[in-house]
């Protein structure tokens, strides 16, 4: 296949944004991961619409990844700020 034809075929495909899970490190499309954000009160919560301002972190939808992501060190690294953080949804995970 010629180079120009290959480029044209690749251009037709819509590329989806890729994000990495902060827990397991696997890369996946943005819409298949859950977005975590920190609000003004240092509470970690899910951003279901994906429209919250500021730094966000993405995690797989698996329970193991969500639980592991709630570790203080993981959140500090992902949000690039010191903890402690308050988890608003941790009670619903058990």
PDB file of N, CA and C in Angstrom:
ATOM      1  N   UNK A   1       0.842  -1.173   0.000  1.00  0.00           N
ATOM      2  CA  UNK A   1       0.000   0.000   0.000  1.00  0.00           C
ATOM      3  C   UNK A   1       0.891   1.241   0.000  1.00  0.00           C
ATOM      4  N   UNK A   2       0.512   2.211  -0.775  1.00  0.00           N
ATOM      5  CA  UNK A   2       1.302   3.430  -0.851  1.00  0.00           C
ATOM      6  C   UNK A   2       1.162   4.250   0.419  1.00  0.00           C
ATOM      7  N   UNK A   3       2.211   5.000   0.670  1.00  0.00           N
ATOM      8  CA  UNK A   3       2.264   5.797   1.895  1.00  0.00           C
ATOM      9  C   UNK A   3       1.115   6.812   1.978  1.00  0.00           C
ATOM     10  N   UNK A   4       0.822   7.517   0.898  1.00  0.00           N
ATOM     11  CA  UNK A   4      -0.227   8.535   0.929  1.00  0.00           C
ATOM     12  C   UNK A   4      -1.604   7.903   1.151  1.00  0.00           C
ATOM     13  N   UNK A   5      -1.807   6.723   0.588  1.00  0.00           N
ATOM     14  CA  UNK A   5      -3.092   6.034   0.783  1.00  0.00           C
ATOM     15  C   UNK A   5      -3.239   5.590   2.248  1.00  0.00           C
ATOM     16  N   UNK A   6      -2.152   5.110   2.841  1.00  0.00           N
ATOM     17  CA  UNK A   6      -2.170   4.686   4.236  1.00  0.00           C
ATOM     18  C   UNK A   6      -2.479   5.874   5.156  1.00  0.00           C
ATOM     19  N   UNK A   7      -1.881   7.023   4.867  1.00  0.00           N
ATOM     20  CA  UNK A   7      -2.146   8.220   5.664  1.00  0.00           C
ATOM     21  C   UNK A   7      -3.608   8.631   5.556  1.00  0.00           C
ATOM     22  N   UNK A   8      -4.166   8.540   4.358  1.00  0.00           N
ATOM     23  CA  UNK A   8      -5.565   8.904   4.155  1.00  0.00           C
ATOM     24  C   UNK A   8      -6.491   7.979   4.934  1.00  0.00           C
ATOM     25  N   UNK A   9      -6.176   6.698   4.975  1.00  0.00           N
ATOM     26  CA  UNK A   9      -7.001   5.750   5.728  1.00  0.00           C
ATOM     27  C   UNK A   9      -6.936   6.037   7.221  1.00  0.00           C
ATOM     28  N   UNK A  10      -5.758   6.353   7.729  1.00  0.00           N
ATOM     29  CA  UNK A  10      -5.602   6.656   9.149  1.00  0.00           C
ATOM     30  C   UNK A  10      -6.277   7.972   9.524  1.00  0.00           C
ATOM     31  N   UNK A  11      -6.323   8.905   8.601  1.00  0.00           N
ATOM     32  CA  UNK A  11      -6.933  10.198   8.854  1.00  0.00           C
ATOM     33  C   UNK A  11      -8.448  10.068   9.015  1.00  0.00           C
ATOM     34  N   UNK A  12      -9.039   9.092   8.334  1.00  0.00           N
ATOM     35  CA  UNK A  12     -10.483   8.904   8.402  1.00  0.00           C
ATOM     36  C   UNK A  12     -10.941   8.375   9.758  1.00  0.00           C
ATOM     37  N   UNK A  13     -10.077   7.672  10.457  1.00  0.00           N
ATOM     38  CA  UNK A  13     -10.447   7.126  11.758  1.00  0.00           C
ATOM     39  C   UNK A  13     -10.483   8.246  12.790  1.00  0.00           C
ATOM     40  N   UNK A  14     -11.529   8.243  13.603  1.00  0.00           N
ATOM     41  CA  UNK A  14     -11.605   9.205  14.697  1.00  0.00           C
ATOM     42  C   UNK A  14     -10.774   8.669  15.848  1.00  0.00           C
ATOM     43  N   UNK A  15      -9.824   9.444  16.322  1.00  0.00           N
ATOM     44  CA  UNK A  15      -9.019   8.988  17.450  1.00  0.00           C
ATOM     45  C   UNK A  15      -9.698   9.408  18.750  1.00  0.00           C
ATOM     46  N   UNK A  16      -9.776   8.466  19.672  1.00  0.00           N
ATOM     47  CA  UNK A  16     -10.375   8.731  20.976  1.00  0.00           C
ATOM     48  C   UNK A  16      -9.273   9.068  21.968  1.00  0.00           C
ATOM     49  N   UNK A  17      -9.541   9.950  22.920  1.00  0.00           N
ATOM     50  CA  UNK A  17      -8.530  10.278  23.921  1.00  0.00           C
ATOM     51  C   UNK A  17      -8.197   9.058  24.777  1.00  0.00           C
ATOM     52  N   UNK A  18      -6.915   8.845  25.013  1.00  0.00           N
ATOM     53  CA  UNK A  18      -6.436   7.723  25.817  1.00  0.00           C
ATOM     54  C   UNK A  18      -5.980   8.261  27.170  1.00  0.00           C
ATOM     55  N   UNK A  19      -6.380   7.589  28.240  1.00  0.00           N
ATOM     56  CA  UNK A  19      -5.967   7.946  29.594  1.00  0.00           C
ATOM     57  C   UNK A  19      -5.419   6.707  30.286  1.00  0.00           C
ATOM     58  N   UNK A  20      -4.682   6.911  31.375  1.00  0.00           N
ATOM     59  CA  UNK A  20      -4.047   5.812  32.107  1.00  0.00           C
ATOM     60  C   UNK A  20      -4.633   5.715  33.509  1.00  0.00           C
ATOM     61  N   UNK A  21      -4.940   4.489  33.932  1.00  0.00           N
ATOM     62  CA  UNK A  21      -5.477   4.251  35.272  1.00  0.00           C
ATOM     63  C   UNK A  21      -4.381   4.538  36.298  1.00  0.00           C
ATOM     64  N   UNK A  22      -4.690   5.309  37.339  1.00  0.00           N
ATOM     65  CA  UNK A  22      -3.685   5.645  38.353  1.00  0.00           C
ATOM     66  C   UNK A  22      -3.386   4.461  39.257  1.00  0.00           C
ATOM     67  N   UNK A  23      -4.222   3.441  39.201  1.00  0.00           N
ATOM     68  CA  UNK A  23      -4.044   2.282  40.064  1.00  0.00           C
ATOM     69  C   UNK A  23      -3.225   1.179  39.398  1.00  0.00           C
ATOM     70  N   UNK A  24      -3.682   0.687  38.248  1.00  0.00           N
ATOM     71  CA  UNK A  24      -3.000  -0.438  37.603  1.00  0.00           C
ATOM     72  C   UNK A  24      -2.080  -0.002  36.470  1.00  0.00           C
ATOM     73  N   UNK A  25      -2.239   1.212  35.964  1.00  0.00           N
ATOM     74  CA  UNK A  25      -1.370   1.725  34.920  1.00  0.00           C
ATOM     75  C   UNK A  25      -1.778   1.347  33.508  1.00  0.00           C
ATOM     76  N   UNK A  26      -2.894   0.641  33.344  1.00  0.00           N
ATOM     77  CA  UNK A  26      -3.337   0.252  32.003  1.00  0.00           C
ATOM     78  C   UNK A  26      -3.935   1.451  31.288  1.00  0.00           C
ATOM     79  N   UNK A  27      -3.647   1.548  29.992  1.00  0.00           N
ATOM     80  CA  UNK A  27      -4.187   2.636  29.182  1.00  0.00           C
ATOM     81  C   UNK A  27      -5.492   2.181  28.548  1.00  0.00           C
ATOM     82  N   UNK A  28      -6.444   3.113  28.490  1.00  0.00           N
ATOM     83  CA  UNK A  28      -7.741   2.810  27.918  1.00  0.00           C
ATOM     84  C   UNK A  28      -8.356   4.109  27.412  1.00  0.00           C
ATOM     85  N   UNK A  29      -9.482   4.003  26.707  1.00  0.00           N
ATOM     86  CA  UNK A  29     -10.135   5.210  26.220  1.00  0.00           C
ATOM     87  C   UNK A  29     -10.737   5.980  27.392  1.00  0.00           C
ATOM     88  N   UNK A  30     -10.807   7.272  27.225  1.00  0.00           N
ATOM     89  CA  UNK A  30     -11.260   8.161  28.296  1.00  0.00           C
ATOM     90  C   UNK A  30     -12.663   7.808  28.785  1.00  0.00           C
ATOM     91  N   UNK A  31     -13.555   7.450  27.857  1.00  0.00           N
ATOM     92  CA  UNK A  31     -14.938   7.191  28.259  1.00  0.00           C
ATOM     93  C   UNK A  31     -15.125   5.841  28.946  1.00  0.00           C
ATOM     94  N   UNK A  32     -14.114   4.979  28.953  1.00  0.00           N
ATOM     95  CA  UNK A  32     -14.248   3.690  29.636  1.00  0.00           C
ATOM     96  C   UNK A  32     -13.659   3.730  31.049  1.00  0.00           C
ATOM     97  N   UNK A  33     -13.075   4.860  31.435  1.00  0.00           N
ATOM     98  CA  UNK A  33     -12.511   5.016  32.778  1.00  0.00           C
ATOM     99  C   UNK A  33     -13.362   5.982  33.594  1.00  0.00           C
ATOM    100  N   UNK A  34     -13.223   5.929  34.898  1.00  0.00           N
ATOM    101  CA  UNK A  34     -13.907   6.862  35.794  1.00  0.00           C
ATOM    102  C   UNK A  34     -12.960   8.007  36.138  1.00  0.00           C
ATOM    103  N   UNK A  35     -13.476   9.218  36.155  1.00  0.00           N
ATOM    104  CA  UNK A  35     -12.648  10.380  36.468  1.00  0.00           C
ATOM    105  C   UNK A  35     -12.842  10.773  37.927  1.00  0.00           C
ATOM    106  N   UNK A  36     -11.732  10.950  38.625  1.00  0.00           N
ATOM    107  CA  UNK A  36     -11.748  11.429  40.004  1.00  0.00           C
ATOM    108  C   UNK A  36     -11.305  12.884  40.014  1.00  0.00           C
ATOM    109  N   UNK A  37     -11.941  13.692  40.833  1.00  0.00           N
ATOM    110  CA  UNK A  37     -11.558  15.098  40.980  1.00  0.00           C
ATOM    111  C   UNK A  37     -11.549  15.450  42.463  1.00  0.00           C
ATOM    112  N   UNK A  38     -10.883  16.536  42.797  1.00  0.00           N
ATOM    113  CA  UNK A  38     -10.870  17.046  44.168  1.00  0.00           C
ATOM    114  C   UNK A  38     -11.635  18.364  44.175  1.00  0.00           C
ATOM    115  N   UNK A  39     -12.607  18.472  45.074  1.00  0.00           N
ATOM    116  CA  UNK A  39     -13.359  19.722  45.160  1.00  0.00           C
ATOM    117  C   UNK A  39     -12.651  20.694  46.110  1.00  0.00           C
ATOM    118  N   UNK A  40     -13.288  21.811  46.397  1.00  0.00           N
ATOM    119  CA  UNK A  40     -12.678  22.858  47.233  1.00  0.00           C
ATOM    120  C   UNK A  40     -12.418  22.424  48.668  1.00  0.00           C
ATOM    121  N   UNK A  41     -13.124  21.400  49.131  1.00  0.00           N
ATOM    122  CA  UNK A  41     -12.984  20.934  50.516  1.00  0.00           C
ATOM    123  C   UNK A  41     -12.022  19.753  50.630  1.00  0.00           C
ATOM    124  N   UNK A  42     -11.192  19.531  49.633  1.00  0.00           N
ATOM    125  CA  UNK A  42     -10.251  18.401  49.574  1.00  0.00           C
ATOM    126  C   UNK A  42     -10.959  17.050  49.648  1.00  0.00           C
ATOM    127  N   UNK A  43     -12.146  16.970  49.066  1.00  0.00           N
ATOM    128  CA  UNK A  43     -12.884  15.715  48.997  1.00  0.00           C
ATOM    129  C   UNK A  43     -12.724  15.118  47.605  1.00  0.00           C
ATOM    130  N   UNK A  44     -12.375  13.842  47.552  1.00  0.00           N
ATOM    131  CA  UNK A  44     -12.258  13.146  46.272  1.00  0.00           C
ATOM    132  C   UNK A  44     -13.638  12.643  45.897  1.00  0.00           C
ATOM    133  N   UNK A  45     -14.055  12.936  44.672  1.00  0.00           N
ATOM    134  CA  UNK A  45     -15.358  12.482  44.205  1.00  0.00           C
ATOM    135  C   UNK A  45     -15.287  12.125  42.728  1.00  0.00           C
ATOM    136  N   UNK A  46     -16.271  11.368  42.255  1.00  0.00           N
ATOM    137  CA  UNK A  46     -16.347  11.018  40.843  1.00  0.00           C
ATOM    138  C   UNK A  46     -16.884  12.198  40.057  1.00  0.00           C
ATOM    139  N   UNK A  47     -16.334  12.397  38.882  1.00  0.00           N
ATOM    140  CA  UNK A  47     -16.840  13.408  37.955  1.00  0.00           C
ATOM    141  C   UNK A  47     -17.499  12.651  36.808  1.00  0.00           C
ATOM    142  N   UNK A  48     -18.792  12.391  36.934  1.00  0.00           N
ATOM    143  CA  UNK A  48     -19.488  11.559  35.956  1.00  0.00           C
ATOM    144  C   UNK A  48     -19.628  12.235  34.601  1.00  0.00           C
ATOM    145  N   UNK A  49     -19.765  13.546  34.580  1.00  0.00           N
ATOM    146  CA  UNK A  49     -19.900  14.262  33.313  1.00  0.00           C
ATOM    147  C   UNK A  49     -18.555  14.569  32.674  1.00  0.00           C
ATOM    148  N   UNK A  50     -17.497  14.553  33.466  1.00  0.00           N
ATOM    149  CA  UNK A  50     -16.170  14.844  32.934  1.00  0.00           C
ATOM    150  C   UNK A  50     -15.946  16.311  32.658  1.00  0.00           C
ATOM    151  N   UNK A  51     -16.697  17.171  33.312  1.00  0.00           N
ATOM    152  CA  UNK A  51     -16.607  18.600  33.010  1.00  0.00           C
ATOM    153  C   UNK A  51     -16.090  19.443  34.167  1.00  0.00           C
ATOM    154  N   UNK A  52     -15.676  18.820  35.250  1.00  0.00           N
ATOM    155  CA  UNK A  52     -15.166  19.592  36.388  1.00  0.00           C
ATOM    156  C   UNK A  52     -13.824  20.224  36.048  1.00  0.00           C
ATOM    157  N   UNK A  53     -13.602  21.460  36.485  1.00  0.00           N
ATOM    158  CA  UNK A  53     -12.330  22.124  36.185  1.00  0.00           C
ATOM    159  C   UNK A  53     -11.203  21.574  37.054  1.00  0.00           C
ATOM    160  N   UNK A  54      -9.995  21.828  36.637  1.00  0.00           N
ATOM    161  CA  UNK A  54      -8.828  21.432  37.425  1.00  0.00           C
ATOM    162  C   UNK A  54      -8.297  20.062  37.051  1.00  0.00           C
ATOM    163  N   UNK A  55      -7.328  19.622  37.835  1.00  0.00           N
ATOM    164  CA  UNK A  55      -6.663  18.349  37.576  1.00  0.00           C
ATOM    165  C   UNK A  55      -7.577  17.189  37.939  1.00  0.00           C
ATOM    166  N   UNK A  56      -7.613  16.215  37.058  1.00  0.00           N
ATOM    167  CA  UNK A  56      -8.387  15.003  37.299  1.00  0.00           C
ATOM    168  C   UNK A  56      -7.481  13.791  37.211  1.00  0.00           C
ATOM    169  N   UNK A  57      -7.958  12.682  37.721  1.00  0.00           N
ATOM    170  CA  UNK A  57      -7.237  11.417  37.647  1.00  0.00           C
ATOM    171  C   UNK A  57      -8.233  10.358  37.199  1.00  0.00           C
ATOM    172  N   UNK A  58      -7.755   9.382  36.463  1.00  0.00           N
ATOM    173  CA  UNK A  58      -8.631   8.358  35.919  1.00  0.00           C
ATOM    174  C   UNK A  58      -8.326   7.015  36.543  1.00  0.00           C
ATOM    175  N   UNK A  59      -9.381   6.215  36.746  1.00  0.00           N
ATOM    176  CA  UNK A  59      -9.243   4.901  37.354  1.00  0.00           C
ATOM    177  C   UNK A  59     -10.173   3.930  36.617  1.00  0.00           C
ATOM    178  N   UNK A  60      -9.744   2.661  36.520  1.00  0.00           N
ATOM    179  CA  UNK A  60     -10.567   1.618  35.896  1.00  0.00           C
ATOM    180  C   UNK A  60     -11.860   1.441  36.679  1.00  0.00           C
ATOM    181  N   UNK A  61     -12.831   0.831  36.059  1.00  0.00           N
ATOM    182  CA  UNK A  61     -14.116   0.594  36.718  1.00  0.00           C
ATOM    183  C   UNK A  61     -14.102  -0.638  37.618  1.00  0.00           C
ATOM    184  N   UNK A  62     -12.977  -1.349  37.681  1.00  0.00           N
ATOM    185  CA  UNK A  62     -12.882  -2.533  38.542  1.00  0.00           C
ATOM    186  C   UNK A  62     -12.764  -2.107  40.000  1.00  0.00           C
ATOM    187  N   UNK A  63     -13.417  -2.859  40.895  1.00  0.00           N
ATOM    188  CA  UNK A  63     -13.377  -2.526  42.325  1.00  0.00           C
ATOM    189  C   UNK A  63     -11.964  -2.525  42.878  1.00  0.00           C
ATOM    190  N   UNK A  64     -11.121  -3.485  42.436  1.00  0.00           N
ATOM    191  CA  UNK A  64      -9.743  -3.550  42.943  1.00  0.00           C
ATOM    192  C   UNK A  64      -8.984  -2.261  42.630  1.00  0.00           C
ATOM    193  N   UNK A  65      -9.172  -1.759  41.425  1.00  0.00           N
ATOM    194  CA  UNK A  65      -8.473  -0.528  41.031  1.00  0.00           C
ATOM    195  C   UNK A  65      -8.984   0.673  41.819  1.00  0.00           C
ATOM    196  N   UNK A  66     -10.283   0.737  42.035  1.00  0.00           N
ATOM    197  CA  UNK A  66     -10.846   1.868  42.774  1.00  0.00           C
ATOM    198  C   UNK A  66     -10.352   1.857  44.215  1.00  0.00           C
ATOM    199  N   UNK A  67     -10.352   0.674  44.840  1.00  0.00           N
ATOM    200  CA  UNK A  67      -9.905   0.571  46.233  1.00  0.00           C
ATOM    201  C   UNK A  67      -8.423   0.905  46.347  1.00  0.00           C
ATOM    202  N   UNK A  68      -7.603   0.386  45.424  1.00  0.00           N
ATOM    203  CA  UNK A  68      -6.166   0.660  45.453  1.00  0.00           C
ATOM    204  C   UNK A  68      -5.890   2.138  45.192  1.00  0.00           C
ATOM    205  N   UNK A  69      -6.695   2.771  44.359  1.00  0.00           N
ATOM    206  CA  UNK A  69      -6.496   4.187  44.039  1.00  0.00           C
ATOM    207  C   UNK A  69      -6.778   5.093  45.229  1.00  0.00           C
ATOM    208  N   UNK A  70      -7.526   4.602  46.201  1.00  0.00           N
ATOM    209  CA  UNK A  70      -7.859   5.421  47.363  1.00  0.00           C
ATOM    210  C   UNK A  70      -6.708   5.527  48.354  1.00  0.00           C
ATOM    211  N   UNK A  71      -5.603   4.857  48.087  1.00  0.00           N
ATOM    212  CA  UNK A  71      -4.426   4.987  48.942  1.00  0.00           C
ATOM    213  C   UNK A  71      -3.890   6.407  48.895  1.00  0.00           C
ATOM    214  N   UNK A  72      -3.458   6.898  50.030  1.00  0.00           N
ATOM    215  CA  UNK A  72      -3.002   8.287  50.155  1.00  0.00           C
ATOM    216  C   UNK A  72      -1.880   8.608  49.170  1.00  0.00           C
ATOM    217  N   UNK A  73      -0.931   7.694  49.039  1.00  0.00           N
ATOM    218  CA  UNK A  73       0.221   7.944  48.168  1.00  0.00           C
ATOM    219  C   UNK A  73      -0.180   8.045  46.698  1.00  0.00           C
ATOM    220  N   UNK A  74      -1.101   7.191  46.291  1.00  0.00           N
ATOM    221  CA  UNK A  74      -1.550   7.188  44.895  1.00  0.00           C
ATOM    222  C   UNK A  74      -2.248   8.502  44.559  1.00  0.00           C
ATOM    223  N   UNK A  75      -3.112   8.952  45.441  1.00  0.00           N
ATOM    224  CA  UNK A  75      -3.835  10.204  45.195  1.00  0.00           C
ATOM    225  C   UNK A  75      -2.905  11.414  45.219  1.00  0.00           C
ATOM    226  N   UNK A  76      -1.960  11.429  46.147  1.00  0.00           N
ATOM    227  CA  UNK A  76      -1.006  12.550  46.213  1.00  0.00           C
ATOM    228  C   UNK A  76      -0.212  12.663  44.921  1.00  0.00           C
ATOM    229  N   UNK A  77       0.205  11.537  44.398  1.00  0.00           N
ATOM    230  CA  UNK A  77       0.985  11.543  43.158  1.00  0.00           C
ATOM    231  C   UNK A  77       0.117  11.961  41.971  1.00  0.00           C
ATOM    232  N   UNK A  78      -1.105  11.450  41.916  1.00  0.00           N
ATOM    233  CA  UNK A  78      -1.990  11.745  40.788  1.00  0.00           C
ATOM    234  C   UNK A  78      -2.418  13.208  40.760  1.00  0.00           C
ATOM    235  N   UNK A  79      -2.735  13.762  41.920  1.00  0.00           N
ATOM    236  CA  UNK A  79      -3.213  15.143  41.977  1.00  0.00           C
ATOM    237  C   UNK A  79      -2.098  16.157  42.204  1.00  0.00           C
ATOM    238  N   UNK A  80      -0.878  15.668  42.399  1.00  0.00           N
ATOM    239  CA  UNK A  80       0.296  16.530  42.584  1.00  0.00           C
ATOM    240  C   UNK A  80       0.107  17.539  43.711  1.00  0.00           C
ATOM    241  N   UNK A  81      -0.403  17.048  44.837  1.00  0.00           N
ATOM    242  CA  UNK A  81      -0.555  17.892  46.014  1.00  0.00           C
ATOM    243  C   UNK A  81      -0.567  17.010  47.254  1.00  0.00           C
ATOM    244  N   UNK A  82      -0.173  17.567  48.384  1.00  0.00           N
ATOM    245  CA  UNK A  82      -0.137  16.757  49.607  1.00  0.00           C
ATOM    246  C   UNK A  82      -1.546  16.451  50.112  1.00  0.00           C
ATOM    247  N   UNK A  83      -1.678  15.346  50.803  1.00  0.00           N
ATOM    248  CA  UNK A  83      -2.962  14.934  51.383  1.00  0.00           C
ATOM    249  C   UNK A  83      -3.140  15.603  52.723  1.00  0.00           C
ATOM    250  N   UNK A  84      -3.980  15.153  53.564  1.00  0.00           N
ATOM    251  CA  UNK A  84      -4.886  14.025  53.347  1.00  0.00           C
ATOM    252  C   UNK A  84      -6.125  14.444  52.562  1.00  0.00           C
ATOM    253  N   UNK A  85      -6.738  13.463  51.926  1.00  0.00           N
ATOM    254  CA  UNK A  85      -7.950  13.691  51.148  1.00  0.00           C
ATOM    255  C   UNK A  85      -9.113  12.960  51.819  1.00  0.00           C
ATOM    256  N   UNK A  86     -10.297  13.498  51.655  1.00  0.00           N
ATOM    257  CA  UNK A  86     -11.507  12.862  52.177  1.00  0.00           C
ATOM    258  C   UNK A  86     -12.209  12.189  51.009  1.00  0.00           C
ATOM    259  N   UNK A  87     -12.493  10.918  51.153  1.00  0.00           N
ATOM    260  CA  UNK A  87     -13.133  10.154  50.086  1.00  0.00           C
ATOM    261  C   UNK A  87     -14.646  10.172  50.302  1.00  0.00           C
ATOM    262  N   UNK A  88     -15.393  10.805  49.402  1.00  0.00           N
ATOM    263  CA  UNK A  88     -16.843  10.939  49.571  1.00  0.00           C
ATOM    264  C   UNK A  88     -17.607   9.675  49.219  1.00  0.00           C
ATOM    265  N   UNK A  89     -17.013   8.763  48.460  1.00  0.00           N
ATOM    266  CA  UNK A  89     -17.748   7.601  47.976  1.00  0.00           C
ATOM    267  C   UNK A  89     -17.234   6.286  48.536  1.00  0.00           C
ATOM    268  N   UNK A  90     -16.240   6.307  49.413  1.00  0.00           N
ATOM    269  CA  UNK A  90     -15.645   5.063  49.920  1.00  0.00           C
ATOM    270  C   UNK A  90     -16.642   4.197  50.675  1.00  0.00           C
ATOM    271  N   UNK A  91     -17.584   4.778  51.352  1.00  0.00           N
ATOM    272  CA  UNK A  91     -18.573   4.002  52.085  1.00  0.00           C
ATOM    273  C   UNK A  91     -19.451   3.161  51.177  1.00  0.00           C
ATOM    274  N   UNK A  92     -19.665   3.606  49.951  1.00  0.00           N
ATOM    275  CA  UNK A  92     -20.513   2.865  49.023  1.00  0.00           C
ATOM    276  C   UNK A  92     -19.775   1.732  48.327  1.00  0.00           C
ATOM    277  N   UNK A  93     -18.450   1.640  48.505  1.00  0.00           N
ATOM    278  CA  UNK A  93     -17.681   0.589  47.838  1.00  0.00           C
ATOM    279  C   UNK A  93     -17.715  -0.727  48.591  1.00  0.00           C
ATOM    280  N   UNK A  94     -17.900  -0.699  49.902  1.00  0.00           N
ATOM    281  CA  UNK A  94     -17.856  -1.940  50.671  1.00  0.00           C
ATOM    282  C   UNK A  94     -19.129  -2.721  50.602  1.00  0.00           C
TER     283      UNK A  94
END
